[in-house]
N, C-alpha and C. Protein backbone atom coordinates (compact mmCIF):
# COMPACT_ATOMS: atom_id res chain seq x y z
N MET A 1 99.28 102.32 119.61
CA MET A 1 98.54 101.65 118.41
C MET A 1 99.50 101.23 117.35
N GLN A 2 99.96 100.28 116.84
CA GLN A 2 100.90 99.72 116.08
C GLN A 2 100.23 99.69 114.53
N LEU A 3 100.81 100.80 113.57
CA LEU A 3 100.77 100.40 112.26
C LEU A 3 101.11 99.32 111.54
N VAL A 4 100.38 98.64 110.73
CA VAL A 4 100.57 97.60 109.90
C VAL A 4 100.56 97.94 108.23
N GLU A 5 101.49 97.48 107.56
CA GLU A 5 102.46 97.70 106.29
C GLU A 5 101.01 97.52 105.44
N PRO A 6 100.28 98.44 104.71
CA PRO A 6 99.37 98.19 103.75
C PRO A 6 99.65 97.36 102.39
N THR A 7 99.24 96.30 102.37
CA THR A 7 99.15 95.17 101.45
C THR A 7 98.54 94.86 100.19
N PHE A 8 98.87 94.50 99.07
CA PHE A 8 97.44 94.13 98.50
C PHE A 8 96.32 93.16 98.99
N GLY A 9 97.01 92.09 99.70
CA GLY A 9 96.05 91.02 100.26
C GLY A 9 95.29 92.21 101.35
N ARG A 10 95.87 92.91 102.30
CA ARG A 10 94.76 93.21 103.00
C ARG A 10 94.02 94.37 102.59
N ALA A 11 94.31 95.13 101.48
CA ALA A 11 93.37 95.88 100.35
C ALA A 11 92.29 95.23 100.02
N ALA A 12 92.73 93.90 99.51
CA ALA A 12 91.69 93.28 98.95
C ALA A 12 90.82 92.91 99.86
N LEU A 13 91.16 92.66 101.07
CA LEU A 13 90.32 91.69 102.24
C LEU A 13 89.41 93.05 102.70
N LEU A 14 89.90 93.79 102.86
CA LEU A 14 89.21 95.28 103.16
C LEU A 14 88.09 95.56 102.04
N TRP A 15 88.37 95.61 100.83
CA TRP A 15 87.56 95.64 99.71
C TRP A 15 86.64 94.83 99.77
N TRP A 16 86.51 93.18 99.82
CA TRP A 16 85.66 92.43 99.67
C TRP A 16 84.91 92.77 100.90
N SER A 17 85.39 92.84 102.17
CA SER A 17 84.40 93.03 103.37
C SER A 17 83.29 93.69 103.03
N ILE A 18 83.89 95.21 102.44
CA ILE A 18 83.02 96.35 102.25
C ILE A 18 81.92 95.96 101.02
N ALA A 19 82.32 95.63 100.11
CA ALA A 19 81.95 95.49 98.58
C ALA A 19 80.56 94.35 99.03
N TRP A 20 80.67 93.44 99.42
CA TRP A 20 79.77 91.89 99.73
C TRP A 20 78.72 92.87 100.48
N ARG A 21 78.86 93.54 101.45
CA ARG A 21 78.09 94.26 102.59
C ARG A 21 77.21 95.22 101.40
N SER A 22 77.85 95.85 100.48
CA SER A 22 77.09 96.93 99.67
C SER A 22 76.18 96.33 98.91
N LEU A 23 76.22 95.38 97.98
CA LEU A 23 75.91 94.55 97.05
C LEU A 23 74.69 94.00 97.93
N ALA A 24 74.69 92.79 98.87
CA ALA A 24 73.54 92.50 99.89
C ALA A 24 72.43 93.77 100.55
N LEU A 25 73.16 94.69 100.84
CA LEU A 25 72.24 96.28 101.06
C LEU A 25 71.50 96.57 100.01
N GLY A 26 72.24 96.75 99.04
CA GLY A 26 71.99 97.68 98.00
C GLY A 26 70.80 96.81 96.74
N VAL A 27 71.41 95.36 96.73
CA VAL A 27 70.02 94.44 96.04
C VAL A 27 69.14 94.61 97.16
N GLY A 28 69.00 94.26 98.22
CA GLY A 28 68.03 93.81 99.12
C GLY A 28 67.07 95.28 99.26
N GLY A 29 67.60 96.32 99.40
CA GLY A 29 66.87 97.53 99.45
C GLY A 29 66.22 97.75 97.95
N GLY A 30 66.85 97.62 97.26
CA GLY A 30 66.58 97.81 95.77
C GLY A 30 65.05 96.62 95.31
N ILE A 31 65.11 95.69 95.58
CA ILE A 31 63.94 94.63 95.67
C ILE A 31 63.17 95.22 96.43
N VAL A 32 63.26 95.57 97.51
CA VAL A 32 61.94 95.95 98.33
C VAL A 32 61.45 97.16 97.67
N ALA A 33 62.36 98.20 97.38
CA ALA A 33 61.98 99.33 96.97
C ALA A 33 61.23 99.07 95.42
N GLY A 34 61.80 98.15 94.87
CA GLY A 34 61.25 97.96 93.36
C GLY A 34 59.21 97.43 93.70
N VAL A 35 59.43 96.46 94.67
CA VAL A 35 57.93 95.73 94.73
C VAL A 35 57.18 96.95 95.13
N VAL A 36 57.74 97.58 95.95
CA VAL A 36 56.69 98.98 96.36
C VAL A 36 56.17 99.68 95.35
N ILE A 37 57.55 100.22 94.92
CA ILE A 37 56.90 100.99 93.93
C ILE A 37 56.06 100.47 92.68
N SER A 38 56.36 99.21 92.20
CA SER A 38 55.47 98.74 91.23
C SER A 38 54.01 98.38 91.74
N ILE A 39 53.97 98.05 93.08
CA ILE A 39 52.84 98.09 93.52
C ILE A 39 51.60 99.36 93.69
N VAL A 40 52.70 100.49 94.36
CA VAL A 40 51.90 102.09 94.05
C VAL A 40 51.69 102.15 93.06
N ALA A 41 52.66 101.86 91.88
CA ALA A 41 52.31 102.54 90.32
C ALA A 41 51.25 101.46 89.72
N TYR A 42 51.05 100.62 90.39
CA TYR A 42 50.15 99.42 89.73
C TYR A 42 48.71 100.32 90.08
N PHE A 43 48.56 100.52 91.18
CA PHE A 43 47.13 100.93 91.60
C PHE A 43 47.02 102.44 91.20
N MET A 44 47.96 102.89 91.02
CA MET A 44 47.92 104.67 90.47
C MET A 44 47.63 104.51 88.94
N GLY A 45 47.77 103.39 88.17
CA GLY A 45 47.73 103.57 86.87
C GLY A 45 48.53 103.99 86.08
N VAL A 46 50.01 104.03 86.85
CA VAL A 46 51.09 104.77 86.04
C VAL A 46 51.43 103.61 85.32
N GLY A 47 51.92 104.21 84.02
CA GLY A 47 52.43 103.60 82.87
C GLY A 47 53.89 102.78 83.28
N GLU A 48 54.27 101.46 82.44
CA GLU A 48 55.26 100.95 82.63
C GLU A 48 56.70 101.77 82.72
N GLU A 49 56.40 102.35 81.59
CA GLU A 49 57.86 103.34 81.36
C GLU A 49 58.17 104.26 82.65
N THR A 50 57.17 105.02 83.14
CA THR A 50 57.41 105.77 84.15
C THR A 50 57.84 104.78 85.35
N THR A 51 56.99 103.85 85.70
CA THR A 51 57.37 102.92 86.77
C THR A 51 58.74 102.38 86.80
N THR A 52 59.59 102.24 85.53
CA THR A 52 60.68 101.97 85.24
C THR A 52 61.86 103.28 85.93
N GLN A 53 61.21 104.06 85.20
CA GLN A 53 62.20 105.28 85.84
C GLN A 53 61.91 105.81 87.28
N TRP A 54 61.13 105.38 87.76
CA TRP A 54 60.85 105.64 89.36
C TRP A 54 61.57 104.67 90.15
N ALA A 55 61.87 103.55 89.63
CA ALA A 55 62.65 102.38 90.29
C ALA A 55 63.98 102.97 89.77
N GLN A 56 64.26 103.24 88.89
CA GLN A 56 66.32 103.54 88.45
C GLN A 56 66.15 104.56 89.63
N ILE A 57 65.43 105.75 89.78
CA ILE A 57 65.81 106.69 90.47
C ILE A 57 65.65 106.12 92.23
N SER A 58 64.79 105.18 92.73
CA SER A 58 64.98 104.72 93.66
C SER A 58 66.20 103.77 94.16
N ALA A 59 66.49 103.01 93.20
CA ALA A 59 67.64 102.30 93.53
C ALA A 59 68.96 103.53 93.78
N LEU A 60 69.00 104.59 92.97
CA LEU A 60 70.13 105.43 93.20
C LEU A 60 70.16 105.66 95.07
N LEU A 61 68.92 106.15 95.22
CA LEU A 61 68.44 106.43 96.13
C LEU A 61 68.85 105.60 97.64
N ILE A 62 68.50 104.46 97.19
CA ILE A 62 68.80 103.26 98.28
C ILE A 62 70.09 102.92 98.18
N GLY A 63 70.62 102.78 97.04
CA GLY A 63 71.90 102.13 96.81
C GLY A 63 73.22 102.92 97.51
N THR A 64 73.13 104.33 97.13
CA THR A 64 74.19 105.18 97.78
C THR A 64 74.26 105.32 99.51
N PRO A 65 73.27 105.38 100.00
CA PRO A 65 73.18 105.25 101.38
C PRO A 65 73.53 103.75 101.95
N ALA A 66 73.15 102.61 100.97
CA ALA A 66 73.62 101.56 101.41
C ALA A 66 74.98 101.36 101.24
N CYS A 67 75.84 101.89 100.19
CA CYS A 67 77.14 101.73 100.06
C CYS A 67 77.76 102.14 101.17
N ILE A 68 77.21 103.66 101.43
CA ILE A 68 77.94 104.42 102.81
C ILE A 68 78.05 103.60 104.11
N TYR A 69 76.62 102.92 104.31
CA TYR A 69 76.83 102.15 105.30
C TYR A 69 77.47 100.91 105.44
N ALA A 70 77.49 100.39 104.54
CA ALA A 70 78.83 98.95 104.28
C ALA A 70 79.98 99.54 104.45
N ALA A 71 80.52 100.51 104.41
CA ALA A 71 81.95 101.25 104.53
C ALA A 71 81.91 101.38 106.29
N TYR A 72 80.80 102.24 106.63
CA TYR A 72 80.55 102.55 107.92
C TYR A 72 80.44 101.50 109.02
N SER A 73 80.03 100.46 108.36
CA SER A 73 79.82 99.31 109.45
C SER A 73 80.88 98.36 109.84
N ARG A 74 81.94 98.90 108.63
CA ARG A 74 83.41 98.09 108.96
C ARG A 74 84.33 99.00 109.73
N ILE A 75 84.22 100.18 110.08
CA ILE A 75 85.23 101.09 110.87
C ILE A 75 85.23 100.62 112.18
N GLY A 76 86.48 99.92 112.62
CA GLY A 76 86.49 99.84 114.29
C GLY A 76 86.38 97.99 114.26
N LYS A 77 85.98 97.49 113.22
CA LYS A 77 85.74 96.06 113.21
C LYS A 77 87.05 95.60 112.51
N ASN A 78 86.96 94.09 113.43
CA ASN A 78 88.58 93.26 112.66
C ASN A 78 88.29 93.10 111.36
N CYS A 79 89.12 93.11 110.77
CA CYS A 79 89.25 92.34 109.34
C CYS A 79 90.63 92.03 109.27
N GLY A 80 90.81 90.45 109.22
CA GLY A 80 91.75 89.66 109.51
C GLY A 80 92.58 89.73 110.33
N ASP A 81 93.88 90.39 110.06
CA ASP A 81 94.93 90.88 111.17
C ASP A 81 94.71 91.89 111.68
N PHE A 82 94.04 93.29 111.13
CA PHE A 82 94.07 94.58 111.22
C PHE A 82 92.73 94.95 111.31
N ARG A 83 92.48 96.39 111.63
CA ARG A 83 91.16 96.98 111.73
C ARG A 83 91.34 98.48 111.11
N LEU A 84 89.98 98.41 110.37
CA LEU A 84 90.00 99.91 109.66
C LEU A 84 89.30 101.20 111.05
N VAL A 85 90.57 101.79 111.25
CA VAL A 85 89.73 103.16 112.46
C VAL A 85 90.20 104.61 111.70
N LEU A 86 89.45 105.28 112.12
CA LEU A 86 89.78 106.56 112.10
C LEU A 86 90.43 107.32 112.99
N VAL A 87 91.74 107.88 112.67
CA VAL A 87 92.42 108.43 113.75
C VAL A 87 92.76 110.14 113.28
N ARG A 88 92.34 110.84 114.70
CA ARG A 88 92.67 112.38 114.04
C ARG A 88 94.18 112.59 113.37
N ILE A 89 94.46 113.69 112.76
CA ILE A 89 95.50 114.00 111.78
C ILE A 89 96.48 113.95 113.14
N GLU A 90 95.84 114.89 114.19
CA GLU A 90 97.06 115.71 115.63
C GLU A 90 97.37 114.51 116.15
N ASP A 91 96.52 113.38 116.41
CA ASP A 91 96.85 112.02 117.38
C ASP A 91 97.49 111.03 116.61
N ALA A 92 97.72 111.21 115.21
CA ALA A 92 98.36 109.98 114.58
C ALA A 92 99.97 109.86 114.23
N PRO A 93 100.47 108.75 115.00
CA PRO A 93 101.66 108.35 114.78
C PRO A 93 102.23 108.93 113.30
N THR A 94 103.66 109.34 113.29
CA THR A 94 104.32 109.80 112.06
C THR A 94 104.80 108.35 111.83
N ALA A 95 104.86 108.44 110.31
CA ALA A 95 105.26 107.13 109.51
C ALA A 95 106.71 107.11 109.48
């Protein structure tokens, strides 16, 4: 295993790789949840303010795991000329 020097370009590439996946998963999940909550709230006769609060809570409950999954999905995958891996401290090469 060869360590590569962390650079701004590599950090930006890794950030973008995770950020767009977080956005896509979060927005996609938020739209689905919003539609489902709106339909359920409509049939339950719930007011608009309560429906909005439910939608905001669901966005948090869906967005957080979506961001975690986006980061998780990049572990071990190539990203330009490097890949993000997790190495045990005991097994890590010394710098």
